[in-house]
Amino acid sequence: MMDPSLVRALYDTLGMLQSNSEYSNELLQGLKDLMEGEVATLVLGLNDTDKGLVQVPNDVISAGALEIYPRSRKVLCNGTEVSLTPKEFDILYFLAMSKGEVFTKEQIYQAVWAEDYLMADSNIMAFIRKLRKKIEPNPDAPEYILTIWGIGYKFTDKI
């Protein structure tokens, strides 16, 4: 349950902004209903024209024979499911979401572990090596996760 004083503060702040957009008016009305006890929770919906407001991952990220399904956290290679640990999946998904962008080991760590960089570089390298063994046709000559010497790694943008 939302604190009534917070609801009141939000309502007052939005009211002072005097925005006439459909979204702010809907939010103001929802907050008013919440304050008056007419509803127990505040739920705002999106219509078909609002698709650009919410970033929902694509159903599949494809690169050659590799398919990544973010919602089910499933990876297929040549149609066969690949068993990945949660961190392996997170690393693969993070890199694949930004095809062609180069990331340092520190950036990968911070994105996947969501905390300050505390691990040795060799640990990220070990995760990448295990991941390559599972998804690459030839782990010694990777096609998907490429090493950018002296910098870090990137997911290929060529496939």
C-alpha atoms as a PDB file:
ATOM      1  CA  MET A   1       0.000   0.000   0.000  1.00  0.00           C
ATOM      2  CA  MET A   2       1.257   3.445  -0.864  1.00  0.00           C
ATOM      3  CA  ASP A   3       1.764   5.974   1.928  1.00  0.00           C
ATOM      4  CA  PRO A   4      -1.117   8.494   1.733  1.00  0.00           C
ATOM      5  CA  SER A   5       1.264  11.428   2.254  1.00  0.00           C
ATOM      6  CA  LEU A   6       3.330  10.242  -0.724  1.00  0.00           C
ATOM      7  CA  VAL A   7       0.210   9.982  -2.863  1.00  0.00           C
ATOM      8  CA  ARG A   8      -0.787  13.509  -1.818  1.00  0.00           C
ATOM      9  CA  ALA A   9       2.713  14.876  -2.568  1.00  0.00           C
ATOM     10  CA  LEU A  10       2.708  13.259  -6.021  1.00  0.00           C
ATOM     11  CA  TYR A  11      -0.759  14.627  -6.747  1.00  0.00           C
ATOM     12  CA  ASP A  12       0.195  18.143  -5.659  1.00  0.00           C
ATOM     13  CA  THR A  13       3.475  18.102  -7.604  1.00  0.00           C
ATOM     14  CA  LEU A  14       1.859  16.851 -10.801  1.00  0.00           C
ATOM     15  CA  GLY A  15      -0.991  19.336 -10.390  1.00  0.00           C
ATOM     16  CA  MET A  16       1.472  22.230 -10.102  1.00  0.00           C
ATOM     17  CA  LEU A  17       3.208  21.148 -13.309  1.00  0.00           C
ATOM     18  CA  GLN A  18      -0.144  21.625 -15.075  1.00  0.00           C
ATOM     19  CA  SER A  19       0.755  19.290 -17.905  1.00  0.00           C
ATOM     20  CA  ASN A  20      -2.186  18.670 -20.156  1.00  0.00           C
ATOM     21  CA  SER A  21      -0.981  15.427 -21.629  1.00  0.00           C
ATOM     22  CA  GLU A  22      -3.293  12.441 -21.603  1.00  0.00           C
ATOM     23  CA  TYR A  23      -0.798  10.527 -19.444  1.00  0.00           C
ATOM     24  CA  SER A  24      -0.460  13.154 -16.710  1.00  0.00           C
ATOM     25  CA  ASN A  25      -4.226  13.659 -16.582  1.00  0.00           C
ATOM     26  CA  GLU A  26      -4.739   9.912 -16.247  1.00  0.00           C
ATOM     27  CA  LEU A  27      -2.102   9.741 -13.513  1.00  0.00           C
ATOM     28  CA  LEU A  28      -3.650  12.703 -11.659  1.00  0.00           C
ATOM     29  CA  GLN A  29      -7.082  11.074 -11.789  1.00  0.00           C
ATOM     30  CA  GLY A  30      -5.635   7.783 -10.572  1.00  0.00           C
ATOM     31  CA  LEU A  31      -3.898   9.509  -7.660  1.00  0.00           C
ATOM     32  CA  LYS A  32      -7.115  11.360  -6.778  1.00  0.00           C
ATOM     33  CA  ASP A  33      -9.057   8.067  -6.802  1.00  0.00           C
ATOM     34  CA  LEU A  34      -6.377   6.521  -4.609  1.00  0.00           C
ATOM     35  CA  MET A  35      -6.560   9.386  -2.087  1.00  0.00           C
ATOM     36  CA  GLU A  36     -10.362   9.168  -1.963  1.00  0.00           C
ATOM     37  CA  GLY A  37     -10.218   5.434  -1.289  1.00  0.00           C
ATOM     38  CA  GLU A  38     -11.994   4.557  -4.517  1.00  0.00           C
ATOM     39  CA  VAL A  39      -9.200   2.199  -5.544  1.00  0.00           C
ATOM     40  CA  ALA A  40      -6.657   0.232  -3.518  1.00  0.00           C
ATOM     41  CA  THR A  41      -3.846   0.348  -6.069  1.00  0.00           C
ATOM     42  CA  LEU A  42      -2.783   2.566  -8.937  1.00  0.00           C
ATOM     43  CA  VAL A  43      -2.457   0.793 -12.272  1.00  0.00           C
ATOM     44  CA  LEU A  44      -1.868   2.664 -15.500  1.00  0.00           C
ATOM     45  CA  GLY A  45      -2.318   0.941 -18.816  1.00  0.00           C
ATOM     46  CA  LEU A  46      -0.755   1.458 -22.204  1.00  0.00           C
ATOM     47  CA  ASN A  47      -2.643   1.478 -25.450  1.00  0.00           C
ATOM     48  CA  ASP A  48      -1.319   0.396 -28.865  1.00  0.00           C
ATOM     49  CA  THR A  49       0.064   3.847 -29.618  1.00  0.00           C
ATOM     50  CA  ASP A  50       2.265   3.710 -26.496  1.00  0.00           C
ATOM     51  CA  LYS A  51       4.564   0.924 -27.676  1.00  0.00           C
ATOM     52  CA  GLY A  52       7.583   3.211 -27.732  1.00  0.00           C
ATOM     53  CA  LEU A  53       7.215   4.057 -24.039  1.00  0.00           C
ATOM     54  CA  VAL A  54       8.101   0.621 -22.682  1.00  0.00           C
ATOM     55  CA  GLN A  55      11.244  -1.203 -23.738  1.00  0.00           C
ATOM     56  CA  VAL A  56      10.400  -4.890 -23.980  1.00  0.00           C
ATOM     57  CA  PRO A  57      13.132  -7.209 -25.198  1.00  0.00           C
ATOM     58  CA  ASN A  58      12.550  -8.815 -28.549  1.00  0.00           C
ATOM     59  CA  ASP A  59      11.253 -12.356 -28.458  1.00  0.00           C
ATOM     60  CA  VAL A  60      14.499 -13.590 -29.979  1.00  0.00           C
ATOM     61  CA  ILE A  61      17.970 -12.298 -30.738  1.00  0.00           C
ATOM     62  CA  SER A  62      19.380 -14.170 -33.717  1.00  0.00           C
ATOM     63  CA  ALA A  63      22.915 -14.370 -35.036  1.00  0.00           C
ATOM     64  CA  GLY A  64      23.631 -17.131 -37.521  1.00  0.00           C
ATOM     65  CA  ALA A  65      22.734 -20.466 -35.931  1.00  0.00           C
ATOM     66  CA  LEU A  66      22.456 -18.881 -32.460  1.00  0.00           C
ATOM     67  CA  GLU A  67      19.087 -17.865 -31.025  1.00  0.00           C
ATOM     68  CA  ILE A  68      18.706 -16.126 -27.663  1.00  0.00           C
ATOM     69  CA  TYR A  69      15.266 -15.985 -26.015  1.00  0.00           C
ATOM     70  CA  PRO A  70      15.454 -13.362 -23.231  1.00  0.00           C
ATOM     71  CA  ARG A  71      12.034 -13.983 -21.716  1.00  0.00           C
ATOM     72  CA  SER A  72      12.560 -17.707 -21.210  1.00  0.00           C
ATOM     73  CA  ARG A  73      16.358 -17.355 -20.779  1.00  0.00           C
ATOM     74  CA  LYS A  74      16.803 -20.069 -23.378  1.00  0.00           C
ATOM     75  CA  VAL A  75      19.570 -20.333 -25.963  1.00  0.00           C
ATOM     76  CA  LEU A  76      19.466 -22.517 -29.082  1.00  0.00           C
ATOM     77  CA  CYS A  77      22.420 -23.323 -31.271  1.00  0.00           C
ATOM     78  CA  ASN A  78      21.554 -25.057 -34.555  1.00  0.00           C
ATOM     79  CA  GLY A  79      18.102 -25.722 -33.072  1.00  0.00           C
ATOM     80  CA  THR A  80      19.508 -27.533 -30.025  1.00  0.00           C
ATOM     81  CA  GLU A  81      19.079 -26.019 -26.568  1.00  0.00           C
ATOM     82  CA  VAL A  82      22.328 -24.990 -24.894  1.00  0.00           C
ATOM     83  CA  SER A  83      22.542 -25.328 -21.113  1.00  0.00           C
ATOM     84  CA  LEU A  84      23.958 -22.109 -19.665  1.00  0.00           C
ATOM     85  CA  THR A  85      24.464 -21.015 -16.086  1.00  0.00           C
ATOM     86  CA  PRO A  86      22.564 -17.857 -15.094  1.00  0.00           C
ATOM     87  CA  LYS A  87      25.733 -15.744 -15.298  1.00  0.00           C
ATOM     88  CA  GLU A  88      26.721 -17.227 -18.663  1.00  0.00           C
ATOM     89  CA  PHE A  89      23.278 -16.337 -20.004  1.00  0.00           C
ATOM     90  CA  ASP A  90      23.499 -12.828 -18.542  1.00  0.00           C
ATOM     91  CA  ILE A  91      26.899 -12.223 -20.157  1.00  0.00           C
ATOM     92  CA  LEU A  92      25.715 -13.543 -23.529  1.00  0.00           C
ATOM     93  CA  TYR A  93      22.507 -11.517 -23.393  1.00  0.00           C
ATOM     94  CA  PHE A  94      24.350  -8.349 -22.346  1.00  0.00           C
ATOM     95  CA  LEU A  95      26.796  -8.626 -25.240  1.00  0.00           C
ATOM     96  CA  ALA A  96      24.160  -9.678 -27.790  1.00  0.00           C
ATOM     97  CA  MET A  97      21.912  -6.728 -26.914  1.00  0.00           C
ATOM     98  CA  SER A  98      24.670  -4.403 -28.130  1.00  0.00           C
ATOM     99  CA  LYS A  99      25.979  -6.189 -31.199  1.00  0.00           C
ATOM    100  CA  GLY A 100      29.259  -4.698 -32.355  1.00  0.00           C
ATOM    101  CA  GLU A 101      29.820  -2.599 -29.235  1.00  0.00           C
ATOM    102  CA  VAL A 102      33.087  -3.300 -27.413  1.00  0.00           C
ATOM    103  CA  PHE A 103      32.963  -3.751 -23.625  1.00  0.00           C
ATOM    104  CA  THR A 104      35.809  -3.965 -21.147  1.00  0.00           C
ATOM    105  CA  LYS A 105      35.865  -6.799 -18.625  1.00  0.00           C
ATOM    106  CA  GLU A 106      34.968  -4.242 -15.971  1.00  0.00           C
ATOM    107  CA  GLN A 107      31.893  -3.071 -17.917  1.00  0.00           C
ATOM    108  CA  ILE A 108      30.731  -6.658 -18.405  1.00  0.00           C
ATOM    109  CA  TYR A 109      31.188  -7.379 -14.710  1.00  0.00           C
ATOM    110  CA  GLN A 110      29.314  -4.254 -13.627  1.00  0.00           C
ATOM    111  CA  ALA A 111      26.450  -4.978 -16.031  1.00  0.00           C
ATOM    112  CA  VAL A 112      26.054  -8.631 -15.083  1.00  0.00           C
ATOM    113  CA  TRP A 113      26.843  -8.532 -11.372  1.00  0.00           C
ATOM    114  CA  ALA A 114      25.429  -4.991 -10.895  1.00  0.00           C
ATOM    115  CA  GLU A 115      28.123  -4.049  -8.399  1.00  0.00           C
ATOM    116  CA  ASP A 116      31.581  -2.560  -8.301  1.00  0.00           C
ATOM    117  CA  TYR A 117      34.320  -4.424 -10.118  1.00  0.00           C
ATOM    118  CA  LEU A 118      35.863  -6.762  -7.551  1.00  0.00           C
ATOM    119  CA  MET A 119      36.849  -9.821  -9.569  1.00  0.00           C
ATOM    120  CA  ALA A 120      40.131 -10.482 -11.303  1.00  0.00           C
ATOM    121  CA  ASP A 121      40.167 -10.196 -15.085  1.00  0.00           C
ATOM    122  CA  SER A 122      40.822 -13.930 -15.298  1.00  0.00           C
ATOM    123  CA  ASN A 123      37.359 -14.698 -13.869  1.00  0.00           C
ATOM    124  CA  ILE A 124      35.574 -12.824 -16.668  1.00  0.00           C
ATOM    125  CA  MET A 125      37.901 -14.538 -19.116  1.00  0.00           C
ATOM    126  CA  ALA A 126      36.939 -17.924 -17.611  1.00  0.00           C
ATOM    127  CA  PHE A 127      33.219 -17.173 -18.046  1.00  0.00           C
ATOM    128  CA  ILE A 128      33.797 -16.139 -21.665  1.00  0.00           C
ATOM    129  CA  ARG A 129      35.865 -19.270 -22.315  1.00  0.00           C
ATOM    130  CA  LYS A 130      33.127 -21.556 -20.871  1.00  0.00           C
ATOM    131  CA  LEU A 131      30.465 -19.688 -22.815  1.00  0.00           C
ATOM    132  CA  ARG A 132      32.413 -20.047 -26.053  1.00  0.00           C
ATOM    133  CA  LYS A 133      32.782 -23.810 -25.504  1.00  0.00           C
ATOM    134  CA  LYS A 134      29.004 -24.050 -25.304  1.00  0.00           C
ATOM    135  CA  ILE A 135      27.926 -21.801 -28.187  1.00  0.00           C
ATOM    136  CA  GLU A 136      30.792 -21.490 -30.655  1.00  0.00           C
ATOM    137  CA  PRO A 137      31.221 -23.987 -33.523  1.00  0.00           C
ATOM    138  CA  ASN A 138      34.981 -23.649 -32.959  1.00  0.00           C
ATOM    139  CA  PRO A 139      35.807 -22.045 -29.579  1.00  0.00           C
ATOM    140  CA  ASP A 140      39.408 -21.421 -30.688  1.00  0.00           C
ATOM    141  CA  ALA A 141      38.160 -19.312 -33.614  1.00  0.00           C
ATOM    142  CA  PRO A 142      35.016 -17.660 -32.185  1.00  0.00           C
ATOM    143  CA  GLU A 143      32.290 -16.315 -34.444  1.00  0.00           C
ATOM    144  CA  TYR A 144      29.939 -14.804 -31.849  1.00  0.00           C
ATOM    145  CA  ILE A 145      31.913 -13.478 -28.882  1.00  0.00           C
ATOM    146  CA  LEU A 146      34.994 -11.770 -30.228  1.00  0.00           C
ATOM    147  CA  THR A 147      38.059 -10.663 -28.303  1.00  0.00           C
ATOM    148  CA  ILE A 148      39.193  -7.119 -28.945  1.00  0.00           C
ATOM    149  CA  TRP A 149      42.805  -7.328 -27.825  1.00  0.00           C
ATOM    150  CA  GLY A 150      43.772  -4.831 -25.159  1.00  0.00           C
ATOM    151  CA  ILE A 151      40.169  -3.728 -24.626  1.00  0.00           C
ATOM    152  CA  GLY A 152      37.683  -6.518 -23.989  1.00  0.00           C
ATOM    153  CA  TYR A 153      34.908  -8.323 -25.862  1.00  0.00           C
ATOM    154  CA  LYS A 154      32.057  -7.723 -28.271  1.00  0.00           C
ATOM    155  CA  PHE A 155      29.249  -9.720 -29.813  1.00  0.00           C
ATOM    156  CA  THR A 156      29.702  -9.926 -33.550  1.00  0.00           C
ATOM    157  CA  ASP A 157      27.723  -7.620 -35.786  1.00  0.00           C
ATOM    158  CA  LYS A 158      28.725  -9.512 -38.933  1.00  0.00           C
ATOM    159  CA  ILE A 159      26.319 -12.446 -38.700  1.00  0.00           C
END
